[in-house]
Amino acid sequence: MISAFDKLKRSLSKTKDNLLGKLSRVVGQRKVDEELLEEIEEILIQADVGVKATMRLVESLRKSAREQKVSDETSVMALLQSEITTILSSQQPSSLPNGAKPPEVWLITGVNGVGKTTTIGKLATRCSGDGKKVMIGAVIHSVLRQLIRLLSGRSAAEWT
């Protein structure tokens, strides 16, 4: 039986492959210099990694390139993977009284054509299937608003 996480991971593999492909093409056989770091930063920002995370990744790469003489594509990609794993695993859950679970709020942003609406629909379906109450709100173009309303109806999510 496939877990919900595995389904989500498979659904987002296209985005991951696109990001990794761009990074691999840029890194290639180049040495790590300021120009390369700027290109990596641009790719991460365009991929909606976030400014804070992007700056942390680029600074870590800059430091490692200086201290450990990281220069080949494999080492650069491994360093990025390691740092991303560190960022994602450092989330500290908040403690609430009486074991109550806090509500989760997800803000989905990005440029046109990167799959935000589809991802929202998939996340809503997955969470609804897990028995969670889902509410979708949007400040978007009216045509997309209609599509998100349709997707929220299909996933048993509440529309606001």
Protein backbone atom coordinates (compact mmCIF):
# COMPACT_ATOMS: atom_id res chain seq x y z
CA MET A 1 0.00 0.00 0.00
CA ILE A 2 1.34 3.41 -0.98
CA SER A 3 1.50 5.98 1.81
CA ALA A 4 0.15 9.51 1.42
CA PHE A 5 3.68 10.83 1.69
CA ASP A 6 4.83 8.57 -1.16
CA LYS A 7 1.93 9.79 -3.32
CA LEU A 8 2.80 13.42 -2.60
CA LYS A 9 6.48 12.74 -3.26
CA ARG A 10 5.66 11.16 -6.61
CA SER A 11 3.34 14.03 -7.49
CA LEU A 12 6.04 16.59 -6.85
CA SER A 13 8.82 14.68 -8.60
CA LYS A 14 8.42 16.73 -11.79
CA THR A 15 9.16 19.93 -9.86
CA LYS A 16 12.12 18.28 -8.15
CA ASP A 17 13.49 16.93 -11.43
CA ASN A 18 13.15 20.36 -13.03
CA LEU A 19 15.00 22.07 -10.17
CA LEU A 20 17.75 19.45 -10.00
CA GLY A 21 18.13 19.52 -13.78
CA LYS A 22 18.61 23.28 -13.80
CA LEU A 23 21.10 23.11 -10.94
CA SER A 24 23.07 20.30 -12.61
CA ARG A 25 23.22 22.19 -15.90
CA VAL A 26 24.46 25.36 -14.20
CA VAL A 27 26.98 23.62 -11.95
CA GLY A 28 28.29 21.32 -14.70
CA GLN A 29 32.07 21.23 -14.77
CA ARG A 30 32.46 24.77 -13.45
CA LYS A 31 34.40 25.90 -10.43
CA VAL A 32 32.50 27.46 -7.56
CA ASP A 33 32.84 31.22 -7.94
CA GLU A 34 30.59 34.23 -7.32
CA GLU A 35 29.04 34.01 -10.78
CA LEU A 36 28.03 30.38 -10.21
CA LEU A 37 26.70 31.17 -6.74
CA GLU A 38 24.57 33.96 -8.19
CA GLU A 39 23.14 31.59 -10.82
CA ILE A 40 22.35 28.99 -8.15
CA GLU A 41 20.70 31.69 -6.05
CA GLU A 42 18.57 32.78 -9.02
CA ILE A 43 17.44 29.18 -9.72
CA LEU A 44 16.50 28.62 -6.07
CA ILE A 45 14.56 31.89 -5.87
CA GLN A 46 12.70 31.09 -9.12
CA ALA A 47 11.86 27.66 -7.70
CA ASP A 48 10.20 29.33 -4.69
CA VAL A 49 12.67 27.88 -2.21
CA GLY A 50 12.38 31.13 -0.26
CA VAL A 51 14.79 33.98 0.27
CA LYS A 52 15.95 32.92 3.75
CA ALA A 53 16.55 29.29 2.74
CA THR A 54 18.20 30.33 -0.52
CA MET A 55 20.58 32.67 1.24
CA ARG A 56 21.42 29.95 3.78
CA LEU A 57 22.10 27.42 0.99
CA VAL A 58 24.25 29.80 -1.04
CA GLU A 59 26.21 30.96 2.00
CA SER A 60 26.82 27.35 3.07
CA LEU A 61 28.03 26.52 -0.43
CA ARG A 62 30.27 29.61 -0.46
CA LYS A 63 31.80 28.65 2.90
CA SER A 64 32.35 25.01 1.93
CA ALA A 65 33.87 25.97 -1.40
CA ARG A 66 36.33 28.18 0.45
CA GLU A 67 37.15 25.83 3.35
CA GLN A 68 36.87 22.38 1.77
CA LYS A 69 37.75 23.33 -1.80
CA VAL A 70 34.41 21.98 -3.06
CA SER A 71 34.45 22.39 -6.80
CA ASP A 72 33.07 19.36 -8.69
CA GLU A 73 29.40 18.93 -9.57
CA THR A 74 28.91 15.87 -7.34
CA SER A 75 30.28 17.66 -4.27
CA VAL A 76 28.24 20.81 -4.93
CA MET A 77 25.01 18.83 -5.39
CA ALA A 78 25.76 16.69 -2.30
CA LEU A 79 26.35 19.82 -0.24
CA LEU A 80 23.09 21.38 -1.41
CA GLN A 81 21.22 18.14 -0.63
CA SER A 82 22.77 17.94 2.82
CA GLU A 83 21.94 21.54 3.66
CA ILE A 84 18.35 21.20 2.37
CA THR A 85 17.93 18.09 4.52
CA THR A 86 19.24 20.00 7.53
CA ILE A 87 16.81 22.87 6.91
CA LEU A 88 13.83 20.55 6.51
CA SER A 89 14.64 18.41 9.54
CA SER A 90 15.25 21.33 11.90
CA GLN A 91 11.54 22.13 12.30
CA GLN A 92 10.68 22.24 16.00
CA PRO A 93 7.07 21.32 16.80
CA SER A 94 5.35 23.69 19.17
CA SER A 95 3.82 22.30 22.32
CA LEU A 96 0.22 23.14 23.08
CA PRO A 97 -1.64 22.48 26.32
CA ASN A 98 -3.53 19.21 26.71
CA GLY A 99 -1.85 17.65 23.70
CA ALA A 100 -3.89 19.75 21.25
CA LYS A 101 -2.61 19.87 17.71
CA PRO A 102 -2.03 23.32 16.22
CA PRO A 103 -3.75 24.22 12.95
CA GLU A 104 -1.52 24.06 9.92
CA VAL A 105 -1.43 27.01 7.57
CA TRP A 106 0.27 26.60 4.24
CA LEU A 107 1.02 29.57 2.03
CA ILE A 108 1.56 28.54 -1.58
CA THR A 109 3.21 31.13 -3.81
CA GLY A 110 5.02 31.07 -7.11
CA VAL A 111 5.29 32.29 -10.63
CA ASN A 112 2.83 31.34 -13.36
CA GLY A 113 2.89 27.82 -14.70
CA VAL A 114 4.79 26.00 -11.94
CA GLY A 115 1.89 23.84 -10.75
CA LYS A 116 0.66 25.69 -7.65
CA THR A 117 -3.04 25.06 -8.34
CA THR A 118 -2.50 21.37 -9.06
CA THR A 119 -0.38 21.00 -5.94
CA ILE A 120 -3.05 22.71 -3.82
CA GLY A 121 -5.65 20.26 -5.15
CA LYS A 122 -3.40 17.27 -4.43
CA LEU A 123 -2.57 18.47 -0.93
CA ALA A 124 -6.25 19.13 -0.17
CA THR A 125 -7.23 15.67 -1.39
CA ARG A 126 -4.47 14.00 0.59
CA CYS A 127 -5.28 15.87 3.80
CA SER A 128 -9.02 15.30 3.44
CA GLY A 129 -8.34 11.61 2.85
CA ASP A 130 -6.35 11.58 6.10
CA GLY A 131 -9.44 12.84 7.93
CA LYS A 132 -8.24 16.41 8.32
CA LYS A 133 -10.50 19.39 7.87
CA VAL A 134 -9.22 21.42 4.94
CA MET A 135 -9.99 25.05 4.13
CA ILE A 136 -8.69 26.70 0.96
CA GLY A 137 -8.53 30.45 0.55
CA ALA A 138 -7.07 32.35 -2.35
CA VAL A 139 -6.24 35.80 -3.59
CA ILE A 140 -5.82 35.07 -7.26
CA HIS A 141 -7.08 35.64 -10.77
CA SER A 142 -10.82 34.90 -11.13
CA VAL A 143 -10.35 31.98 -13.55
CA LEU A 144 -7.96 30.29 -11.13
CA ARG A 145 -10.36 31.01 -8.28
CA GLN A 146 -13.00 28.98 -10.15
CA LEU A 147 -10.55 26.12 -10.69
CA ILE A 148 -9.52 26.09 -7.02
CA ARG A 149 -13.19 26.15 -5.99
CA LEU A 150 -13.72 23.08 -8.21
CA LEU A 151 -10.67 21.30 -6.77
CA SER A 152 -11.72 22.07 -3.21
CA GLY A 153 -15.13 20.57 -3.93
CA ARG A 154 -13.55 17.41 -5.30
CA SER A 155 -11.33 17.06 -2.24
CA ALA A 156 -14.07 17.77 0.33
CA ALA A 157 -12.21 20.91 1.37
CA GLU A 158 -14.01 23.99 2.58
CA TRP A 159 -13.77 27.01 0.26
CA THR A 160 -13.47 30.53 1.65
